[in-house]
C-alpha atoms as a PDB file:
ATOM      1  CA  MET A   1      -3.756   7.417  46.606  1.00  0.00           C
ATOM      2  CA  LEU A   2      -4.711  10.931  45.573  1.00  0.00           C
ATOM      3  CA  SER A   3      -4.679  13.730  48.147  1.00  0.00           C
ATOM      4  CA  SER A   4      -5.483  17.423  47.918  1.00  0.00           C
ATOM      5  CA  HIS A   5      -3.405  20.381  49.096  1.00  0.00           C
ATOM      6  CA  ILE A   6      -5.185  23.729  49.283  1.00  0.00           C
ATOM      7  CA  HIS A   7      -3.744  27.214  49.715  1.00  0.00           C
ATOM      8  CA  PHE A   8      -5.035  29.945  51.985  1.00  0.00           C
ATOM      9  CA  ASN A   9      -4.355  33.625  52.419  1.00  0.00           C
ATOM     10  CA  GLY A  10      -3.875  33.502  56.183  1.00  0.00           C
ATOM     11  CA  GLN A  11      -6.969  31.440  57.242  1.00  0.00           C
ATOM     12  CA  CYS A  12      -5.550  27.884  57.077  1.00  0.00           C
ATOM     13  CA  GLU A  13      -5.748  27.166  60.805  1.00  0.00           C
ATOM     14  CA  GLU A  14      -9.339  28.416  61.059  1.00  0.00           C
ATOM     15  CA  ALA A  15     -10.338  26.519  57.900  1.00  0.00           C
ATOM     16  CA  PHE A  16      -8.789  23.234  59.011  1.00  0.00           C
ATOM     17  CA  LYS A  17     -10.447  23.384  62.443  1.00  0.00           C
ATOM     18  CA  PHE A  18     -13.756  24.006  60.605  1.00  0.00           C
ATOM     19  CA  TYR A  19     -13.145  21.089  58.202  1.00  0.00           C
ATOM     20  CA  GLU A  20     -12.200  18.814  61.106  1.00  0.00           C
ATOM     21  CA  GLU A  21     -15.544  19.582  62.768  1.00  0.00           C
ATOM     22  CA  VAL A  22     -17.712  19.481  59.617  1.00  0.00           C
ATOM     23  CA  LEU A  23     -16.118  16.474  57.919  1.00  0.00           C
ATOM     24  CA  GLY A  24     -15.490  14.450  61.053  1.00  0.00           C
ATOM     25  CA  GLY A  25     -11.761  14.127  60.489  1.00  0.00           C
ATOM     26  CA  LYS A  26      -8.766  14.582  62.707  1.00  0.00           C
ATOM     27  CA  ILE A  27      -5.988  17.148  62.312  1.00  0.00           C
ATOM     28  CA  ASP A  28      -2.876  15.115  62.912  1.00  0.00           C
ATOM     29  CA  TYR A  29      -0.263  17.717  62.019  1.00  0.00           C
ATOM     30  CA  MET A  30      -0.120  21.499  61.907  1.00  0.00           C
ATOM     31  CA  ALA A  31       3.205  23.352  61.633  1.00  0.00           C
ATOM     32  CA  ARG A  32       3.833  27.086  61.621  1.00  0.00           C
ATOM     33  CA  TYR A  33       6.427  29.040  59.696  1.00  0.00           C
ATOM     34  CA  GLU A  34       7.927  30.068  63.021  1.00  0.00           C
ATOM     35  CA  GLY A  35      10.653  27.634  64.059  1.00  0.00           C
ATOM     36  CA  SER A  36      10.963  26.131  60.592  1.00  0.00           C
ATOM     37  CA  PRO A  37      13.614  26.662  57.904  1.00  0.00           C
ATOM     38  CA  ALA A  38      10.974  28.671  55.972  1.00  0.00           C
ATOM     39  CA  ALA A  39      10.558  31.284  58.733  1.00  0.00           C
ATOM     40  CA  ASP A  40      12.928  33.755  57.073  1.00  0.00           C
ATOM     41  CA  GLN A  41      10.963  33.498  53.809  1.00  0.00           C
ATOM     42  CA  VAL A  42       7.903  35.275  55.246  1.00  0.00           C
ATOM     43  CA  PRO A  43       7.408  38.615  57.038  1.00  0.00           C
ATOM     44  CA  ALA A  44       7.604  38.536  60.849  1.00  0.00           C
ATOM     45  CA  GLU A  45       3.823  39.035  61.152  1.00  0.00           C
ATOM     46  CA  TRP A  46       3.234  35.918  58.998  1.00  0.00           C
ATOM     47  CA  ARG A  47       5.433  33.515  61.042  1.00  0.00           C
ATOM     48  CA  GLY A  48       2.488  32.381  63.182  1.00  0.00           C
ATOM     49  CA  LYS A  49       0.655  31.275  60.048  1.00  0.00           C
ATOM     50  CA  ILE A  50       0.441  27.648  58.930  1.00  0.00           C
ATOM     51  CA  LEU A  51       3.287  26.200  56.833  1.00  0.00           C
ATOM     52  CA  HIS A  52       1.654  22.773  56.594  1.00  0.00           C
ATOM     53  CA  ALA A  53      -1.581  21.206  57.887  1.00  0.00           C
ATOM     54  CA  HIS A  54      -2.689  17.597  57.511  1.00  0.00           C
ATOM     55  CA  LEU A  55      -6.290  16.420  58.087  1.00  0.00           C
ATOM     56  CA  ASN A  56      -6.951  12.676  58.175  1.00  0.00           C
ATOM     57  CA  LEU A  57     -10.428  11.927  56.796  1.00  0.00           C
ATOM     58  CA  ASP A  58     -10.996   8.213  57.337  1.00  0.00           C
ATOM     59  CA  GLY A  59      -8.921   7.038  54.407  1.00  0.00           C
ATOM     60  CA  GLY A  60      -8.653  10.408  52.683  1.00  0.00           C
ATOM     61  CA  THR A  61      -6.241  13.236  53.264  1.00  0.00           C
ATOM     62  CA  LEU A  62      -6.617  17.001  53.021  1.00  0.00           C
ATOM     63  CA  MET A  63      -3.494  19.128  53.308  1.00  0.00           C
ATOM     64  CA  GLY A  64      -3.096  22.880  53.225  1.00  0.00           C
ATOM     65  CA  ALA A  65      -0.984  25.916  54.006  1.00  0.00           C
ATOM     66  CA  ASP A  66      -1.013  29.691  54.219  1.00  0.00           C
ATOM     67  CA  VAL A  67       1.034  30.667  51.213  1.00  0.00           C
ATOM     68  CA  PRO A  68       3.450  33.582  51.661  1.00  0.00           C
ATOM     69  CA  PRO A  69       2.059  37.069  51.068  1.00  0.00           C
ATOM     70  CA  GLY A  70       1.953  38.004  47.391  1.00  0.00           C
ATOM     71  CA  ARG A  71       1.827  34.350  46.249  1.00  0.00           C
ATOM     72  CA  TYR A  72      -1.847  33.588  46.959  1.00  0.00           C
ATOM     73  CA  SER A  73      -4.205  32.983  44.032  1.00  0.00           C
ATOM     74  CA  LYS A  74      -7.956  32.549  44.353  1.00  0.00           C
ATOM     75  CA  PRO A  75      -8.850  28.855  43.831  1.00  0.00           C
ATOM     76  CA  GLN A  76     -10.335  28.124  40.422  1.00  0.00           C
ATOM     77  CA  GLY A  77     -10.669  25.285  37.969  1.00  0.00           C
ATOM     78  CA  PHE A  78     -11.369  22.535  40.535  1.00  0.00           C
ATOM     79  CA  ASN A  79     -13.733  21.438  43.307  1.00  0.00           C
ATOM     80  CA  LEU A  80     -12.993  19.323  46.357  1.00  0.00           C
ATOM     81  CA  THR A  81     -15.531  16.502  46.203  1.00  0.00           C
ATOM     82  CA  ILE A  82     -17.071  14.556  49.060  1.00  0.00           C
ATOM     83  CA  SER A  83     -18.888  11.319  48.242  1.00  0.00           C
ATOM     84  CA  LEU A  84     -21.298   9.966  50.818  1.00  0.00           C
ATOM     85  CA  LYS A  85     -23.768   7.104  51.151  1.00  0.00           C
ATOM     86  CA  GLU A  86     -26.273   8.850  53.427  1.00  0.00           C
ATOM     87  CA  ILE A  87     -28.292  11.707  51.953  1.00  0.00           C
ATOM     88  CA  ASN A  88     -28.988  13.295  55.374  1.00  0.00           C
ATOM     89  CA  GLU A  89     -25.241  13.392  56.091  1.00  0.00           C
ATOM     90  CA  GLY A  90     -24.606  14.890  52.657  1.00  0.00           C
ATOM     91  CA  LYS A  91     -27.219  17.603  53.164  1.00  0.00           C
ATOM     92  CA  ASP A  92     -25.845  18.443  56.617  1.00  0.00           C
ATOM     93  CA  ILE A  93     -22.268  18.721  55.359  1.00  0.00           C
ATOM     94  CA  PHE A  94     -23.346  20.788  52.369  1.00  0.00           C
ATOM     95  CA  GLU A  95     -25.290  23.242  54.538  1.00  0.00           C
ATOM     96  CA  LYS A  96     -22.352  23.671  56.915  1.00  0.00           C
ATOM     97  CA  LEU A  97     -19.853  24.200  54.063  1.00  0.00           C
ATOM     98  CA  ALA A  98     -22.195  26.651  52.309  1.00  0.00           C
ATOM     99  CA  ALA A  99     -22.938  28.688  55.463  1.00  0.00           C
ATOM    100  CA  SER A 100     -21.405  32.200  55.076  1.00  0.00           C
ATOM    101  CA  GLY A 101     -20.184  31.094  51.655  1.00  0.00           C
ATOM    102  CA  ASN A 102     -21.814  30.915  48.247  1.00  0.00           C
ATOM    103  CA  VAL A 103     -24.197  28.243  46.922  1.00  0.00           C
ATOM    104  CA  VAL A 104     -23.363  27.453  43.286  1.00  0.00           C
ATOM    105  CA  MET A 105     -25.913  24.639  42.903  1.00  0.00           C
ATOM    106  CA  PRO A 106     -28.371  23.925  45.738  1.00  0.00           C
ATOM    107  CA  PHE A 107     -28.307  20.471  47.310  1.00  0.00           C
ATOM    108  CA  ALA A 108     -31.025  18.496  45.538  1.00  0.00           C
ATOM    109  CA  PRO A 109     -31.671  15.264  43.655  1.00  0.00           C
ATOM    110  CA  THR A 110     -30.114  14.952  40.186  1.00  0.00           C
ATOM    111  CA  PHE A 111     -30.330  12.283  37.492  1.00  0.00           C
ATOM    112  CA  TRP A 112     -27.192  10.596  38.936  1.00  0.00           C
ATOM    113  CA  SER A 113     -27.622  11.239  42.650  1.00  0.00           C
ATOM    114  CA  PRO A 114     -30.328  11.456  45.318  1.00  0.00           C
ATOM    115  CA  GLY A 115     -28.438  14.474  46.682  1.00  0.00           C
ATOM    116  CA  PHE A 116     -25.838  16.714  45.068  1.00  0.00           C
ATOM    117  CA  GLY A 117     -24.772  20.311  45.616  1.00  0.00           C
ATOM    118  CA  MET A 118     -21.966  22.747  44.853  1.00  0.00           C
ATOM    119  CA  CYS A 119     -20.769  25.624  46.984  1.00  0.00           C
ATOM    120  CA  VAL A 120     -17.815  27.847  47.765  1.00  0.00           C
ATOM    121  CA  ASP A 121     -17.128  27.916  51.493  1.00  0.00           C
ATOM    122  CA  ARG A 122     -16.367  31.048  53.524  1.00  0.00           C
ATOM    123  CA  PHE A 123     -12.645  30.479  52.912  1.00  0.00           C
ATOM    124  CA  GLY A 124     -13.070  30.572  49.130  1.00  0.00           C
ATOM    125  CA  ILE A 125     -12.677  26.808  48.604  1.00  0.00           C
ATOM    126  CA  PRO A 126     -15.047  25.227  46.025  1.00  0.00           C
ATOM    127  CA  TRP A 127     -16.811  22.027  47.068  1.00  0.00           C
ATOM    128  CA  MET A 128     -19.113  19.369  45.558  1.00  0.00           C
ATOM    129  CA  VAL A 129     -21.090  17.115  47.874  1.00  0.00           C
ATOM    130  CA  ASN A 130     -22.355  13.975  46.140  1.00  0.00           C
ATOM    131  CA  CYS A 131     -24.493  11.163  47.596  1.00  0.00           C
ATOM    132  CA  GLU A 132     -24.379   7.716  46.075  1.00  0.00           C
ATOM    133  CA  ARG A 133     -27.551   6.261  44.599  1.00  0.00           C
ATOM    134  CA  PRO A 134     -28.713   3.221  46.631  1.00  0.00           C
ATOM    135  CA  GLN A 135     -28.099  -0.157  44.960  1.00  0.00           C
END
């Protein structure tokens, strides 16, 4: 099984609570630097940040963390992709992910899909939302 792990610059907890709501998943683990063996590897003001988060998405997994200061790089060269059967669900998820973010390709029919769109969410994470063509 393939899972994704995304890095944040201090917004991991906020992002994962947002993804839990938008994607309908369940956060089943969230650990902070504080109280972990990694606590001394980050500044004191960073110890309340997330060392590891795990979101269960009905058979899929999304993981993430706030990387230590100075080690964050803007995401590039990939998109997290959501594949859905229902076009209305796809459009709703796309609109929520794109809100306060950046639409790269508006959600619309394409030659391969009745609904597809690309955006970068407000946390800087690139997404593709793809709906399956009915049989």
